[in-house]
Protein backbone atom coordinates (compact mmCIF):
# COMPACT_ATOMS: atom_id res chain seq x y z
CA UNK A 1 16.96 -13.49 81.73
CA UNK A 2 14.50 -16.25 82.63
CA UNK A 3 10.96 -16.67 81.38
CA UNK A 4 9.84 -16.76 85.02
CA UNK A 5 11.36 -13.34 85.65
CA UNK A 6 9.33 -11.86 82.82
CA UNK A 7 6.04 -13.01 84.21
CA UNK A 8 6.98 -11.68 87.63
CA UNK A 9 7.44 -8.32 85.92
CA UNK A 10 4.02 -8.57 84.28
CA UNK A 11 2.46 -9.45 87.66
CA UNK A 12 4.02 -6.45 89.34
CA UNK A 13 2.77 -4.27 86.51
CA UNK A 14 -0.75 -5.66 86.91
CA UNK A 15 -0.69 -5.14 90.67
CA UNK A 16 0.50 -1.55 90.44
CA UNK A 17 -2.22 -0.63 87.96
CA UNK A 18 -5.00 -2.28 89.91
CA UNK A 19 -3.98 -0.76 93.21
CA UNK A 20 -3.97 2.65 91.54
CA UNK A 21 -7.19 2.20 89.63
CA UNK A 22 -9.14 0.12 92.12
CA UNK A 23 -11.60 -2.60 91.18
CA UNK A 24 -11.65 -2.17 87.41
CA UNK A 25 -13.80 -4.53 85.38
CA UNK A 26 -11.03 -4.91 82.80
CA UNK A 27 -7.60 -3.54 82.08
CA UNK A 28 -5.02 -4.13 79.38
CA UNK A 29 -1.27 -4.09 79.71
CA UNK A 30 1.18 -2.03 77.72
CA UNK A 31 3.92 -3.79 75.72
CA UNK A 32 6.77 -4.92 77.94
CA UNK A 33 9.44 -5.58 75.33
CA UNK A 34 10.56 -8.45 73.16
CA UNK A 35 12.88 -9.93 75.78
CA UNK A 36 10.09 -9.98 78.35
CA UNK A 37 7.83 -11.67 75.81
CA UNK A 38 9.81 -14.85 76.25
CA UNK A 39 9.00 -15.07 79.96
CA UNK A 40 5.97 -16.30 81.96
CA UNK A 41 4.46 -14.77 85.07
CA UNK A 42 5.33 -16.26 88.47
CA UNK A 43 2.46 -14.66 90.38
CA UNK A 44 -0.81 -12.84 89.83
CA UNK A 45 -1.86 -10.10 92.25
CA UNK A 46 -5.58 -9.45 92.66
CA UNK A 47 -6.79 -5.86 93.22
CA UNK A 48 -7.33 -6.36 96.95
CA UNK A 49 -4.95 -9.22 97.58
CA UNK A 50 -2.24 -8.75 100.20
CA UNK A 51 -0.06 -11.47 98.74
CA UNK A 52 0.44 -12.58 95.15
CA UNK A 53 -0.74 -16.03 94.16
CA UNK A 54 2.00 -18.59 93.85
CA UNK A 55 2.12 -20.28 90.48
CA UNK A 56 3.45 -23.81 90.14
CA UNK A 57 4.48 -24.65 86.62
CA UNK A 58 1.97 -26.36 84.38
CA UNK A 59 2.75 -27.69 80.92
CA UNK A 60 -0.08 -28.06 78.41
CA UNK A 61 0.24 -31.20 76.34
CA UNK A 62 -0.09 -30.78 72.58
CA UNK A 63 -3.07 -33.10 72.74
CA UNK A 64 -4.92 -30.57 74.91
CA UNK A 65 -5.47 -28.43 71.80
CA UNK A 66 -7.70 -30.33 69.37
CA UNK A 67 -6.43 -30.48 65.84
CA UNK A 68 -9.48 -28.64 64.60
CA UNK A 69 -10.17 -26.28 67.51
CA UNK A 70 -9.68 -23.25 65.30
CA UNK A 71 -11.44 -20.87 67.69
CA UNK A 72 -9.04 -18.05 66.91
CA UNK A 73 -7.79 -19.18 63.52
CA UNK A 74 -7.65 -16.27 61.13
CA UNK A 75 -8.92 -17.58 57.80
CA UNK A 76 -8.74 -15.20 54.84
CA UNK A 77 -7.26 -14.85 51.36
CA UNK A 78 -3.86 -14.39 53.00
CA UNK A 79 -4.39 -17.21 55.52
CA UNK A 80 -5.93 -20.15 53.70
CA UNK A 81 -6.95 -23.57 54.90
CA UNK A 82 -5.79 -26.69 53.15
CA UNK A 83 -8.16 -28.43 50.78
CA UNK A 84 -7.72 -31.45 53.06
CA UNK A 85 -8.87 -29.64 56.20
CA UNK A 86 -12.13 -30.94 57.65
CA UNK A 87 -13.11 -30.19 61.25
CA UNK A 88 -14.15 -32.95 63.57
CA UNK A 89 -16.93 -32.49 66.14
CA UNK A 90 -19.44 -31.47 63.50
CA UNK A 91 -23.09 -31.87 64.41
CA UNK A 92 -26.25 -31.62 62.34
CA UNK A 93 -28.82 -28.89 62.94
CA UNK A 94 -31.83 -29.06 60.61
CA UNK A 95 -29.64 -30.40 57.83
CA UNK A 96 -26.86 -27.87 58.38
CA UNK A 97 -23.52 -28.99 59.78
CA UNK A 98 -21.58 -26.88 62.26
CA UNK A 99 -19.01 -27.30 65.03
CA UNK A 100 -20.55 -28.62 68.24
CA UNK A 101 -19.34 -25.67 70.37
CA UNK A 102 -20.88 -23.21 67.91
CA UNK A 103 -24.10 -25.24 67.87
CA UNK A 104 -24.43 -25.21 71.65
CA UNK A 105 -23.75 -21.47 71.82
CA UNK A 106 -26.20 -20.76 68.99
CA UNK A 107 -28.98 -22.67 70.75
CA UNK A 108 -28.35 -20.74 73.98
CA UNK A 109 -28.31 -17.44 72.12
CA UNK A 110 -31.46 -18.26 70.20
CA UNK A 111 -33.23 -19.12 73.48
CA UNK A 112 -32.09 -15.80 74.97
CA UNK A 113 -33.53 -13.95 72.00
CA UNK A 114 -36.88 -15.69 72.44
CA UNK A 115 -36.81 -14.80 76.13
CA UNK A 116 -36.43 -11.18 75.00
CA UNK A 117 -39.38 -11.61 72.61
CA UNK A 118 -37.23 -11.60 69.49
CA UNK A 119 -38.39 -14.44 67.30
CA UNK A 120 -37.54 -16.05 64.00
CA UNK A 121 -33.74 -16.17 63.92
CA UNK A 122 -32.79 -18.91 61.46
CA UNK A 123 -29.50 -20.58 60.70
CA UNK A 124 -28.99 -20.35 56.94
CA UNK A 125 -25.48 -21.70 56.53
CA UNK A 126 -22.52 -22.90 58.57
CA UNK A 127 -19.89 -25.50 57.64
CA UNK A 128 -18.85 -25.61 54.00
CA UNK A 129 -16.37 -27.95 52.40
CA UNK A 130 -13.43 -26.66 50.41
CA UNK A 131 -14.99 -28.05 47.24
CA UNK A 132 -18.36 -26.42 47.88
CA UNK A 133 -16.67 -23.06 48.48
CA UNK A 134 -14.84 -23.51 45.18
CA UNK A 135 -18.17 -24.07 43.44
CA UNK A 136 -19.93 -20.97 44.77
CA UNK A 137 -16.87 -18.76 44.25
CA UNK A 138 -16.44 -19.94 40.67
CA UNK A 139 -20.13 -19.35 40.02
CA UNK A 140 -19.84 -15.78 41.25
CA UNK A 141 -16.77 -15.17 39.08
CA UNK A 142 -18.58 -16.50 36.02
CA UNK A 143 -21.59 -14.27 36.70
CA UNK A 144 -19.37 -11.20 36.84
CA UNK A 145 -17.50 -12.16 33.68
CA UNK A 146 -20.80 -12.50 31.82
CA UNK A 147 -21.69 -8.98 32.91
CA UNK A 148 -18.50 -7.57 31.36
CA UNK A 149 -15.73 -8.01 33.91
CA UNK A 150 -12.39 -9.45 32.83
CA UNK A 151 -11.34 -12.54 34.78
CA UNK A 152 -8.96 -10.72 37.12
CA UNK A 153 -11.55 -8.05 37.91
CA UNK A 154 -14.20 -10.71 38.37
CA UNK A 155 -12.06 -12.69 40.82
CA UNK A 156 -11.16 -9.59 42.84
CA UNK A 157 -14.76 -8.36 42.98
CA UNK A 158 -16.19 -11.79 43.75
CA UNK A 159 -13.82 -12.17 46.71
CA UNK A 160 -15.42 -9.16 48.40
CA UNK A 161 -18.60 -11.15 48.96
CA UNK A 162 -17.67 -14.81 48.37
CA UNK A 163 -14.32 -16.02 49.61
CA UNK A 164 -12.15 -18.19 47.35
CA UNK A 165 -11.73 -21.85 48.36
CA UNK A 166 -9.60 -22.21 51.48
CA UNK A 167 -10.17 -18.56 52.41
CA UNK A 168 -13.60 -19.02 53.98
CA UNK A 169 -13.91 -19.51 57.72
CA UNK A 170 -17.08 -21.47 57.01
CA UNK A 171 -14.68 -24.36 56.41
CA UNK A 172 -13.94 -24.27 60.17
CA UNK A 173 -17.58 -24.97 61.03
CA UNK A 174 -17.45 -21.97 63.38
CA UNK A 175 -18.97 -19.35 61.06
CA UNK A 176 -22.74 -18.99 60.87
CA UNK A 177 -24.95 -17.08 58.45
CA UNK A 178 -28.26 -16.15 60.09
CA UNK A 179 -31.42 -14.36 59.01
CA UNK A 180 -35.08 -13.89 59.86
CA UNK A 181 -36.48 -14.05 56.33
CA UNK A 182 -34.06 -16.35 54.51
CA UNK A 183 -32.27 -13.38 52.90
CA UNK A 184 -28.68 -12.42 53.63
CA UNK A 185 -28.72 -8.65 53.18
CA UNK A 186 -27.21 -5.68 54.98
CA UNK A 187 -30.72 -4.63 55.93
CA UNK A 188 -30.65 -7.44 58.49
CA UNK A 189 -28.39 -5.24 60.63
CA UNK A 190 -31.25 -2.76 61.08
CA UNK A 191 -33.79 -5.35 62.19
CA UNK A 192 -34.61 -6.01 65.83
CA UNK A 193 -32.76 -9.33 65.62
CA UNK A 194 -29.74 -7.79 63.92
CA UNK A 195 -29.46 -4.99 66.48
CA UNK A 196 -29.81 -7.47 69.37
CA UNK A 197 -27.02 -9.63 67.95
CA UNK A 198 -24.70 -6.64 67.59
CA UNK A 199 -25.27 -5.77 71.23
CA UNK A 200 -25.38 -9.24 72.78
CA UNK A 201 -23.86 -12.00 70.65
CA UNK A 202 -20.49 -11.67 72.42
CA UNK A 203 -22.14 -12.98 75.60
CA UNK A 204 -22.47 -16.32 73.79
CA UNK A 205 -19.01 -16.34 72.24
CA UNK A 206 -19.88 -14.85 68.84
CA UNK A 207 -18.65 -11.75 67.03
CA UNK A 208 -20.03 -9.90 64.02
CA UNK A 209 -17.10 -10.95 61.89
CA UNK A 210 -17.32 -8.32 59.14
CA UNK A 211 -18.53 -4.99 60.59
CA UNK A 212 -19.23 -2.10 58.27
CA UNK A 213 -16.67 0.18 59.92
CA UNK A 214 -13.77 -2.26 59.43
CA UNK A 215 -13.94 -3.26 55.76
CA UNK A 216 -10.43 -1.92 55.11
CA UNK A 217 -9.12 -4.37 57.70
CA UNK A 218 -11.21 -7.43 56.88
CA UNK A 219 -11.31 -6.80 53.11
CA UNK A 220 -14.92 -8.02 53.22
CA UNK A 221 -18.04 -5.91 52.82
CA UNK A 222 -20.37 -5.40 55.78
CA UNK A 223 -22.10 -8.68 56.64
CA UNK A 224 -24.34 -8.26 59.72
CA UNK A 225 -25.61 -11.82 59.22
CA UNK A 226 -22.18 -13.46 59.47
CA UNK A 227 -21.30 -14.61 62.99
CA UNK A 228 -18.02 -16.23 64.03
CA UNK A 229 -17.68 -18.27 67.20
CA UNK A 230 -14.46 -17.49 69.10
CA UNK A 231 -15.52 -18.23 72.68
CA UNK A 232 -16.96 -15.88 75.30
CA UNK A 233 -13.70 -14.46 76.76
CA UNK A 234 -12.28 -13.47 73.39
CA UNK A 235 -15.62 -12.21 72.04
CA UNK A 236 -16.15 -10.08 75.16
CA UNK A 237 -12.80 -8.35 74.83
CA UNK A 238 -13.26 -7.81 71.09
CA UNK A 239 -16.64 -6.22 71.78
CA UNK A 240 -15.28 -4.02 74.56
CA UNK A 241 -12.35 -2.81 72.47
CA UNK A 242 -14.30 -2.70 69.17
CA UNK A 243 -11.85 -5.00 67.43
CA UNK A 244 -12.04 -7.41 64.55
CA UNK A 245 -10.36 -10.80 64.80
CA UNK A 246 -7.40 -9.42 62.83
CA UNK A 247 -6.98 -6.54 65.28
CA UNK A 248 -7.47 -8.72 68.34
CA UNK A 249 -4.78 -11.24 67.42
CA UNK A 250 -2.30 -8.42 66.80
CA UNK A 251 -3.33 -6.74 70.05
CA UNK A 252 -2.85 -9.82 72.23
CA UNK A 253 0.51 -10.47 70.61
CA UNK A 254 1.59 -6.88 71.20
CA UNK A 255 0.52 -6.37 74.82
CA UNK A 256 1.19 -10.00 75.87
CA UNK A 257 -1.58 -10.16 78.48
CA UNK A 258 -5.07 -8.91 79.29
CA UNK A 259 -6.74 -9.27 82.67
CA UNK A 260 -10.48 -9.17 83.31
CA UNK A 261 -11.49 -8.81 86.97
CA UNK A 262 -14.87 -9.75 88.39
CA UNK A 263 -16.32 -9.70 91.90
CA UNK A 264 -14.44 -11.23 94.85
CA UNK A 265 -11.13 -11.00 92.97
CA UNK A 266 -12.25 -13.54 90.39
CA UNK A 267 -10.24 -13.11 87.24
CA UNK A 268 -9.49 -14.29 83.76
CA UNK A 269 -6.07 -13.75 82.25
CA UNK A 270 -5.60 -14.00 78.50
CA UNK A 271 -1.94 -14.26 77.61
CA UNK A 272 0.00 -14.54 74.38
CA UNK A 273 2.57 -17.30 74.20
CA UNK A 274 4.69 -19.00 71.58
CA UNK A 275 4.84 -22.09 73.77
CA UNK A 276 2.39 -24.23 75.69
CA UNK A 277 4.49 -24.02 78.85
CA UNK A 278 2.90 -21.53 81.26
CA UNK A 279 2.53 -20.80 84.97
CA UNK A 280 -0.87 -21.58 86.48
CA UNK A 281 -2.13 -20.04 89.76
CA UNK A 282 -3.38 -22.78 92.14
CA UNK A 283 -6.78 -21.09 92.42
CA UNK A 284 -7.40 -21.22 88.70
CA UNK A 285 -10.19 -23.67 87.98
CA UNK A 286 -9.86 -23.60 84.19
CA UNK A 287 -7.02 -23.18 81.78
CA UNK A 288 -7.08 -23.61 78.03
CA UNK A 289 -5.06 -22.73 74.97
CA UNK A 290 -6.14 -21.70 71.48
CA UNK A 291 -3.74 -21.50 68.58
CA UNK A 292 -3.75 -18.46 66.30
CA UNK A 293 -3.45 -20.57 63.18
CA UNK A 294 -3.06 -24.08 61.84
CA UNK A 295 0.73 -23.87 62.26
CA UNK A 296 0.25 -23.91 66.06
CA UNK A 297 3.21 -21.70 66.81
CA UNK A 298 1.28 -18.90 68.53
CA UNK A 299 -1.28 -19.30 71.30
CA UNK A 300 -3.75 -17.40 73.43
CA UNK A 301 -3.66 -18.95 76.91
CA UNK A 302 -6.75 -18.41 79.07
CA UNK A 303 -6.39 -18.86 82.84
CA UNK A 304 -9.59 -18.29 84.82
CA UNK A 305 -11.11 -18.46 88.25
CA UNK A 306 -14.93 -18.90 88.08
CA UNK A 307 -14.93 -19.04 84.30
CA UNK A 308 -17.20 -18.40 82.48
CA UNK A 309 -19.48 -16.50 84.92
CA UNK A 310 -16.98 -13.66 85.10
CA UNK A 311 -17.74 -12.77 81.49
CA UNK A 312 -21.49 -12.31 81.91
CA UNK A 313 -22.95 -8.85 81.58
CA UNK A 314 -24.53 -7.06 84.50
CA UNK A 315 -27.95 -7.81 83.06
CA UNK A 316 -27.26 -11.54 83.17
CA UNK A 317 -25.67 -11.66 86.65
């Protein structure tokens, strides 16, 4: 059965749900089977559209995904970066290096906080080299061993707060540690700034990477100060569904597609694919692909009309 047939099936499924449910702001699809997962959609039916959109084939070139994009890369003790990995597109902000997309989003978010009379948010840390992460992790292990831990216990305990080298997403340049007083403590989550970030940072493409309610999944203690840039579409869905990055990647892979509808039948489709060959509706004004990991064998394809305005909250529209 062809890949094109599968996406036609997904489109029909989308159309049926939207006609039944009306103008929903967002809806997710149920799994459609492993065989269907090898297909791409041939049309996309809007909630009020009489005819589906035709979709000429578009092939993303490998070069369209930067080597260091990493927006959705899951970096952890089980998914480590190479000691040779260094992101490009790093910029300097008050002596701190970070990825340029994260820098731009942070500046916009900081300005929004000031507009809401929330002042003093500071960037404490962002990009770290593999070697620097090795230094701070080793220091933490040594501190614990001096307090009576054996080496294995010290390494396990240290990893709950300081990731081993290669296991820190700070190496991507997309993770930010922020504070208002220079201290990285869980109390930050109860401050006005911390509460605002929990409620609004997704509008600027960030997530609270290690929430207190998901420590069993992330294997990291609650860190309200640790933000991860993943891009507004992904951050918005993660916020809506209360998912960590680990959960979100599994979710997209399982359901294959997620559609977010805005006004006037504007839409964004996020679709899982193991290839960069997809079908693109002619109305779509943006299309991009983000790999799940450095192996680049799994992708989240974003196809949007009027991106990124569709992702703004009602308060911002």
